[in-house]
Amino acid sequence: MNTDTNGRVLLVVDVQNDFCPGGSLAVEGGDGVVEVINRISPGFSRIVATQDWHPPGHLSFASSHPGRQPLQTVEVGGIPQVLWPDHCVQGTPGAELHPRLDTRAAWMILRKGIRPEIDSYSAFFENDRATSTGLAPCLRGLGIGEVVVCGLATDYCVLATALDGVSLGFAVTLVQDACRAVDSPPGSAEKALERMRRAGVRFASSAQLC
C-alpha cells in the first residue's frame, strides 16, 4: 500500500449507526463504505472521523417542528434547513461510529451539530457558514494541504465538507466508492458530484489509493 506524507489527511465523514441500515436515517448501502475505508486507512498517518452529535430536540429534527414531516425544507434564522428524523442523538447507540469501522488510528474525532439551534453538515463550518469547527486551522498548523474525503452522505455532509475544503484552499480528493448518497430529492446525488467537479474536487477510487 502507498503511504502518505504528513501533508494529507483522511477525513471520514459521519459513518454512524443511524446512517447505516437499521438506523433512524439510514442511507442505502451506508455500511458498504466501512470495509473500503478500513482498507485505505493504513495509507494515512492522519485520520479524522466526524460524528453528528445532536442534543435532543435539535432544530434539524422534524419532530421539533409541529406539523412538518421529514425531508421537508424550512427556513430557520434565514438558513434553509432540511428536516430529518431524529438521529445521532448525543450518547445514543445511533450516534456511535459503525462498530466495524476501525478507528484505532484516528487522530481526532470531531463532533458537530452540537448546538441545538443550528445544524452542521460540513466538518469545517456550521451551517451559518461563519462558525468554524476549528478543523481547518488545526490541519494548517500541522502542514496538511490535502484532504481526502469519504463517508456519508455524498449529497449532504460529504458534499459540504468537500466544497468547504476547496474554499479554504485545501486540495480535496473524494473517494467515490467510499461514499454513499441519500439521493433525496431524487437526483441530488448526481448534482452533488457535479458541484464537486465544478469546484475542483478530484475524484479517485479506493484502488487508486492502495
C-alpha atoms as a PDB file:
ATOM      1  CA  MET A   1       0.000   0.000   0.000  1.00  0.00           C
ATOM      2  CA  ASN A   2       1.148   3.524  -0.739  1.00  0.00           C
ATOM      3  CA  THR A   3       1.928   5.552   2.372  1.00  0.00           C
ATOM      4  CA  ASP A   4       1.268   9.258   2.696  1.00  0.00           C
ATOM      5  CA  THR A   5       3.394  12.088   3.898  1.00  0.00           C
ATOM      6  CA  ASN A   6       2.278  14.371   6.681  1.00  0.00           C
ATOM      7  CA  GLY A   7       0.789  16.629   4.018  1.00  0.00           C
ATOM      8  CA  ARG A   8      -2.594  14.911   3.751  1.00  0.00           C
ATOM      9  CA  VAL A   9      -5.387  13.644   5.975  1.00  0.00           C
ATOM     10  CA  LEU A  10      -8.158  11.086   5.548  1.00  0.00           C
ATOM     11  CA  LEU A  11     -11.432  12.693   6.611  1.00  0.00           C
ATOM     12  CA  VAL A  12     -14.096  10.074   7.408  1.00  0.00           C
ATOM     13  CA  VAL A  13     -17.499  11.765   7.496  1.00  0.00           C
ATOM     14  CA  ASP A  14     -20.340  10.522   9.735  1.00  0.00           C
ATOM     15  CA  VAL A  15     -20.042   6.750   9.381  1.00  0.00           C
ATOM     16  CA  GLN A  16     -22.521   6.296  12.228  1.00  0.00           C
ATOM     17  CA  ASN A  17     -25.106   3.681  13.096  1.00  0.00           C
ATOM     18  CA  ASP A  18     -28.092   5.927  12.411  1.00  0.00           C
ATOM     19  CA  PHE A  19     -26.887   6.458   8.825  1.00  0.00           C
ATOM     20  CA  CYS A  20     -26.434   2.736   8.195  1.00  0.00           C
ATOM     21  CA  PRO A  21     -29.073   0.038   7.575  1.00  0.00           C
ATOM     22  CA  GLY A  22     -31.315  -0.267  10.622  1.00  0.00           C
ATOM     23  CA  GLY A  23     -30.635   3.307  11.708  1.00  0.00           C
ATOM     24  CA  SER A  24     -33.199   6.074  12.014  1.00  0.00           C
ATOM     25  CA  LEU A  25     -31.834   7.902   8.956  1.00  0.00           C
ATOM     26  CA  ALA A  26     -30.368   5.000   7.015  1.00  0.00           C
ATOM     27  CA  VAL A  27     -28.521   5.668   3.776  1.00  0.00           C
ATOM     28  CA  GLU A  28     -28.999   2.793   1.359  1.00  0.00           C
ATOM     29  CA  GLY A  29     -25.872   0.656   1.487  1.00  0.00           C
ATOM     30  CA  GLY A  30     -24.318   3.018   4.017  1.00  0.00           C
ATOM     31  CA  ASP A  31     -22.467   0.249   5.794  1.00  0.00           C
ATOM     32  CA  GLY A  32     -20.815  -0.651   2.487  1.00  0.00           C
ATOM     33  CA  VAL A  33     -18.304   2.149   2.990  1.00  0.00           C
ATOM     34  CA  VAL A  34     -16.863   0.604   6.132  1.00  0.00           C
ATOM     35  CA  GLU A  35     -14.656  -2.060   4.587  1.00  0.00           C
ATOM     36  CA  VAL A  36     -13.476   0.325   1.877  1.00  0.00           C
ATOM     37  CA  ILE A  37     -12.437   2.902   4.455  1.00  0.00           C
ATOM     38  CA  ASN A  38     -10.723   0.262   6.582  1.00  0.00           C
ATOM     39  CA  ARG A  39      -8.780  -0.834   3.504  1.00  0.00           C
ATOM     40  CA  ILE A  40      -7.427   2.618   2.657  1.00  0.00           C
ATOM     41  CA  SER A  41      -6.883   3.884   6.201  1.00  0.00           C
ATOM     42  CA  PRO A  42      -3.427   2.307   6.695  1.00  0.00           C
ATOM     43  CA  GLY A  43      -2.111   4.551   3.929  1.00  0.00           C
ATOM     44  CA  PHE A  44      -2.661   7.658   6.064  1.00  0.00           C
ATOM     45  CA  SER A  45      -0.735   8.842   9.076  1.00  0.00           C
ATOM     46  CA  ARG A  46      -3.521  11.296   9.973  1.00  0.00           C
ATOM     47  CA  ILE A  47      -7.190  10.263  10.131  1.00  0.00           C
ATOM     48  CA  VAL A  48     -10.069  12.455  11.315  1.00  0.00           C
ATOM     49  CA  ALA A  49     -13.540  10.975  11.831  1.00  0.00           C
ATOM     50  CA  THR A  50     -16.597  13.179  12.269  1.00  0.00           C
ATOM     51  CA  GLN A  51     -19.789  12.470  14.187  1.00  0.00           C
ATOM     52  CA  ASP A  52     -23.146  14.173  14.070  1.00  0.00           C
ATOM     53  CA  TRP A  53     -23.721  14.728  17.776  1.00  0.00           C
ATOM     54  CA  HIS A  54     -27.115  16.328  18.231  1.00  0.00           C
ATOM     55  CA  PRO A  55     -28.802  17.235  21.513  1.00  0.00           C
ATOM     56  CA  PRO A  56     -32.403  16.058  21.965  1.00  0.00           C
ATOM     57  CA  GLY A  57     -34.833  18.395  20.234  1.00  0.00           C
ATOM     58  CA  HIS A  58     -32.277  19.603  17.687  1.00  0.00           C
ATOM     59  CA  LEU A  59     -33.700  22.037  15.138  1.00  0.00           C
ATOM     60  CA  SER A  60     -32.867  19.657  12.273  1.00  0.00           C
ATOM     61  CA  PHE A  61     -35.389  17.125  13.600  1.00  0.00           C
ATOM     62  CA  ALA A  62     -38.830  17.171  12.000  1.00  0.00           C
ATOM     63  CA  SER A  63     -40.184  16.349  15.446  1.00  0.00           C
ATOM     64  CA  SER A  64     -39.050  19.809  16.592  1.00  0.00           C
ATOM     65  CA  HIS A  65     -41.363  21.460  14.032  1.00  0.00           C
ATOM     66  CA  PRO A  66     -45.017  20.578  14.697  1.00  0.00           C
ATOM     67  CA  GLY A  67     -46.921  19.802  11.514  1.00  0.00           C
ATOM     68  CA  ARG A  68     -43.767  19.218   9.484  1.00  0.00           C
ATOM     69  CA  GLN A  69     -42.558  15.937   8.026  1.00  0.00           C
ATOM     70  CA  PRO A  70     -39.064  14.516   7.422  1.00  0.00           C
ATOM     71  CA  LEU A  71     -37.399  15.694   4.192  1.00  0.00           C
ATOM     72  CA  GLN A  72     -39.372  18.935   4.107  1.00  0.00           C
ATOM     73  CA  THR A  73     -37.297  22.124   3.993  1.00  0.00           C
ATOM     74  CA  VAL A  74     -37.925  25.108   6.238  1.00  0.00           C
ATOM     75  CA  GLU A  75     -36.043  28.328   6.913  1.00  0.00           C
ATOM     76  CA  VAL A  76     -34.707  28.889  10.403  1.00  0.00           C
ATOM     77  CA  GLY A  77     -32.952  32.146  11.172  1.00  0.00           C
ATOM     78  CA  GLY A  78     -32.541  32.789   7.465  1.00  0.00           C
ATOM     79  CA  ILE A  79     -30.850  29.429   6.870  1.00  0.00           C
ATOM     80  CA  PRO A  80     -32.555  26.702   4.781  1.00  0.00           C
ATOM     81  CA  GLN A  81     -32.902  23.531   6.819  1.00  0.00           C
ATOM     82  CA  VAL A  82     -33.873  20.073   5.624  1.00  0.00           C
ATOM     83  CA  LEU A  83     -35.861  18.339   8.344  1.00  0.00           C
ATOM     84  CA  TRP A  84     -34.796  14.824   9.260  1.00  0.00           C
ATOM     85  CA  PRO A  85     -35.980  12.039  11.517  1.00  0.00           C
ATOM     86  CA  ASP A  86     -34.416  12.257  14.968  1.00  0.00           C
ATOM     87  CA  HIS A  87     -30.886  10.921  14.508  1.00  0.00           C
ATOM     88  CA  CYS A  88     -27.435  10.786  16.085  1.00  0.00           C
ATOM     89  CA  VAL A  89     -28.678  11.996  19.452  1.00  0.00           C
ATOM     90  CA  GLN A  90     -25.787  12.512  21.835  1.00  0.00           C
ATOM     91  CA  GLY A  91     -24.896   9.411  23.823  1.00  0.00           C
ATOM     92  CA  THR A  92     -27.256   7.048  21.996  1.00  0.00           C
ATOM     93  CA  PRO A  93     -26.234   3.905  20.083  1.00  0.00           C
ATOM     94  CA  GLY A  94     -27.347   5.561  16.832  1.00  0.00           C
ATOM     95  CA  ALA A  95     -24.742   8.286  17.280  1.00  0.00           C
ATOM     96  CA  GLU A  96     -21.889   5.832  17.678  1.00  0.00           C
ATOM     97  CA  LEU A  97     -19.485   5.201  14.840  1.00  0.00           C
ATOM     98  CA  HIS A  98     -20.191   1.956  13.000  1.00  0.00           C
ATOM     99  CA  PRO A  99     -18.823  -0.924  15.087  1.00  0.00           C
ATOM    100  CA  ARG A 100     -16.808  -2.354  12.190  1.00  0.00           C
ATOM    101  CA  LEU A 101     -15.160   0.967  11.378  1.00  0.00           C
ATOM    102  CA  ASP A 102     -11.553   0.739  12.519  1.00  0.00           C
ATOM    103  CA  THR A 103     -10.933   3.939  14.469  1.00  0.00           C
ATOM    104  CA  ARG A 104      -7.818   2.793  16.323  1.00  0.00           C
ATOM    105  CA  ALA A 105      -5.647   5.040  14.166  1.00  0.00           C
ATOM    106  CA  ALA A 106      -7.987   8.035  14.312  1.00  0.00           C
ATOM    107  CA  TRP A 107      -6.055  11.108  15.306  1.00  0.00           C
ATOM    108  CA  MET A 108      -9.206  13.112  16.036  1.00  0.00           C
ATOM    109  CA  ILE A 109     -12.945  12.512  16.488  1.00  0.00           C
ATOM    110  CA  LEU A 110     -14.718  15.756  15.590  1.00  0.00           C
ATOM    111  CA  ARG A 111     -18.290  16.123  16.842  1.00  0.00           C
ATOM    112  CA  LYS A 112     -20.550  18.558  15.011  1.00  0.00           C
ATOM    113  CA  GLY A 113     -24.146  19.723  15.166  1.00  0.00           C
ATOM    114  CA  ILE A 114     -23.851  20.009  18.927  1.00  0.00           C
ATOM    115  CA  ARG A 115     -25.684  23.344  19.212  1.00  0.00           C
ATOM    116  CA  PRO A 116     -29.476  22.893  19.411  1.00  0.00           C
ATOM    117  CA  GLU A 117     -30.256  25.895  17.232  1.00  0.00           C
ATOM    118  CA  ILE A 118     -28.043  25.221  14.191  1.00  0.00           C
ATOM    119  CA  ASP A 119     -27.042  22.240  12.067  1.00  0.00           C
ATOM    120  CA  SER A 120     -23.560  21.417  10.834  1.00  0.00           C
ATOM    121  CA  TYR A 121     -23.148  19.362   7.671  1.00  0.00           C
ATOM    122  CA  SER A 122     -19.553  20.305   6.978  1.00  0.00           C
ATOM    123  CA  ALA A 123     -16.571  19.204   9.001  1.00  0.00           C
ATOM    124  CA  PHE A 124     -15.252  22.760   8.637  1.00  0.00           C
ATOM    125  CA  PHE A 125     -18.218  25.065   9.320  1.00  0.00           C
ATOM    126  CA  GLU A 126     -21.624  25.069  10.885  1.00  0.00           C
ATOM    127  CA  ASN A 127     -24.496  25.813   8.508  1.00  0.00           C
ATOM    128  CA  ASP A 128     -24.433  29.538   9.232  1.00  0.00           C
ATOM    129  CA  ARG A 129     -21.291  29.443   7.042  1.00  0.00           C
ATOM    130  CA  ALA A 130     -19.500  31.596   9.634  1.00  0.00           C
ATOM    131  CA  THR A 131     -18.877  29.448  12.723  1.00  0.00           C
ATOM    132  CA  SER A 132     -15.757  27.357  12.310  1.00  0.00           C
ATOM    133  CA  THR A 133     -15.376  23.898  13.827  1.00  0.00           C
ATOM    134  CA  GLY A 134     -11.675  24.652  14.238  1.00  0.00           C
ATOM    135  CA  LEU A 135     -10.592  21.829  11.948  1.00  0.00           C
ATOM    136  CA  ALA A 136      -9.045  23.977   9.205  1.00  0.00           C
ATOM    137  CA  PRO A 137      -6.570  25.892  11.401  1.00  0.00           C
ATOM    138  CA  CYS A 138      -5.694  22.659  13.149  1.00  0.00           C
ATOM    139  CA  LEU A 139      -4.817  20.982   9.837  1.00  0.00           C
ATOM    140  CA  ARG A 140      -2.881  24.004   8.604  1.00  0.00           C
ATOM    141  CA  GLY A 141      -0.894  24.057  11.808  1.00  0.00           C
ATOM    142  CA  LEU A 142       0.240  20.531  11.024  1.00  0.00           C
ATOM    143  CA  GLY A 143       1.239  21.443   7.484  1.00  0.00           C
ATOM    144  CA  ILE A 144      -1.612  19.476   5.913  1.00  0.00           C
ATOM    145  CA  GLY A 145      -2.594  20.705   2.461  1.00  0.00           C
ATOM    146  CA  GLU A 146      -4.666  17.823   1.069  1.00  0.00           C
ATOM    147  CA  VAL A 147      -7.926  16.423   2.420  1.00  0.00           C
ATOM    148  CA  VAL A 148      -9.139  13.009   1.227  1.00  0.00           C
ATOM    149  CA  VAL A 149     -12.871  12.752   1.927  1.00  0.00           C
ATOM    150  CA  CYS A 150     -15.119   9.702   2.312  1.00  0.00           C
ATOM    151  CA  GLY A 151     -18.221   8.683   4.240  1.00  0.00           C
ATOM    152  CA  LEU A 152     -21.895   9.593   4.495  1.00  0.00           C
ATOM    153  CA  ALA A 153     -23.715  11.066   2.779  1.00  0.00           C
ATOM    154  CA  THR A 154     -22.425  12.172  -0.618  1.00  0.00           C
ATOM    155  CA  ASP A 155     -25.138  14.763  -1.225  1.00  0.00           C
ATOM    156  CA  TYR A 156     -25.123  16.374   2.223  1.00  0.00           C
ATOM    157  CA  CYS A 157     -22.272  16.198   4.734  1.00  0.00           C
ATOM    158  CA  VAL A 158     -19.661  14.852   2.312  1.00  0.00           C
ATOM    159  CA  LEU A 159     -20.613  17.499  -0.251  1.00  0.00           C
ATOM    160  CA  ALA A 160     -20.467  20.348   2.265  1.00  0.00           C
ATOM    161  CA  THR A 161     -17.137  19.144   3.629  1.00  0.00           C
ATOM    162  CA  ALA A 162     -15.553  18.810   0.189  1.00  0.00           C
ATOM    163  CA  LEU A 163     -16.758  22.216  -1.006  1.00  0.00           C
ATOM    164  CA  ASP A 164     -15.599  23.925   2.173  1.00  0.00           C
ATOM    165  CA  GLY A 165     -12.248  22.212   1.944  1.00  0.00           C
ATOM    166  CA  VAL A 166     -11.723  23.651  -1.531  1.00  0.00           C
ATOM    167  CA  SER A 167     -12.919  27.117  -0.496  1.00  0.00           C
ATOM    168  CA  LEU A 168     -10.415  27.077   2.366  1.00  0.00           C
ATOM    169  CA  GLY A 169      -7.549  26.339  -0.005  1.00  0.00           C
ATOM    170  CA  PHE A 170      -7.061  22.616   0.567  1.00  0.00           C
ATOM    171  CA  ALA A 171      -6.607  20.168  -2.285  1.00  0.00           C
ATOM    172  CA  VAL A 172      -9.603  17.860  -1.934  1.00  0.00           C
ATOM    173  CA  THR A 173      -9.976  14.283  -3.198  1.00  0.00           C
ATOM    174  CA  LEU A 174     -13.250  12.362  -2.989  1.00  0.00           C
ATOM    175  CA  VAL A 175     -13.012   8.569  -2.662  1.00  0.00           C
ATOM    176  CA  GLN A 176     -16.121   7.723  -4.673  1.00  0.00           C
ATOM    177  CA  ASP A 177     -16.526   4.080  -3.704  1.00  0.00           C
ATOM    178  CA  ALA A 178     -16.140   5.007  -0.032  1.00  0.00           C
ATOM    179  CA  CYS A 179     -19.238   7.233  -0.118  1.00  0.00           C
ATOM    180  CA  ARG A 180     -22.994   6.674  -0.354  1.00  0.00           C
ATOM    181  CA  ALA A 181     -25.794   9.167  -1.029  1.00  0.00           C
ATOM    182  CA  VAL A 182     -29.240   9.855   0.385  1.00  0.00           C
ATOM    183  CA  ASP A 183     -30.379  10.961  -3.096  1.00  0.00           C
ATOM    184  CA  SER A 184     -33.284  12.980  -1.707  1.00  0.00           C
ATOM    185  CA  PRO A 185     -34.665  14.783  -3.555  1.00  0.00           C
ATOM    186  CA  PRO A 186     -34.071  12.335  -6.435  1.00  0.00           C
ATOM    187  CA  GLY A 187     -31.084  13.387  -8.490  1.00  0.00           C
ATOM    188  CA  SER A 188     -29.339  15.133  -5.610  1.00  0.00           C
ATOM    189  CA  ALA A 189     -26.524  12.578  -5.635  1.00  0.00           C
ATOM    190  CA  GLU A 190     -25.527  13.316  -9.225  1.00  0.00           C
ATOM    191  CA  LYS A 191     -25.955  17.057  -8.666  1.00  0.00           C
ATOM    192  CA  ALA A 192     -23.635  16.830  -5.682  1.00  0.00           C
ATOM    193  CA  LEU A 193     -20.959  15.091  -7.736  1.00  0.00           C
ATOM    194  CA  GLU A 194     -21.263  17.730 -10.439  1.00  0.00           C
ATOM    195  CA  ARG A 195     -20.967  20.552  -7.907  1.00  0.00           C
ATOM    196  CA  MET A 196     -17.825  18.974  -6.542  1.00  0.00           C
ATOM    197  CA  ARG A 197     -16.366  18.524 -10.040  1.00  0.00           C
ATOM    198  CA  ARG A 198     -17.019  22.168 -10.882  1.00  0.00           C
ATOM    199  CA  ALA A 199     -15.411  23.260  -7.616  1.00  0.00           C
ATOM    200  CA  GLY A 200     -12.219  21.399  -8.437  1.00  0.00           C
ATOM    201  CA  VAL A 201     -12.577  18.325  -6.245  1.00  0.00           C
ATOM    202  CA  ARG A 202     -10.506  15.438  -7.570  1.00  0.00           C
ATOM    203  CA  PHE A 203     -12.238  12.054  -7.804  1.00  0.00           C
ATOM    204  CA  ALA A 204     -10.480   8.787  -7.042  1.00  0.00           C
ATOM    205  CA  SER A 205     -11.324   5.178  -6.302  1.00  0.00           C
ATOM    206  CA  SER A 206     -10.038   3.267  -3.314  1.00  0.00           C
ATOM    207  CA  ALA A 207      -7.923   1.155  -5.668  1.00  0.00           C
ATOM    208  CA  GLN A 208      -6.035   4.280  -6.721  1.00  0.00           C
ATOM    209  CA  LEU A 209      -5.163   4.961  -3.090  1.00  0.00           C
ATOM    210  CA  CYS A 210      -3.973   1.450  -2.272  1.00  0.00           C
END
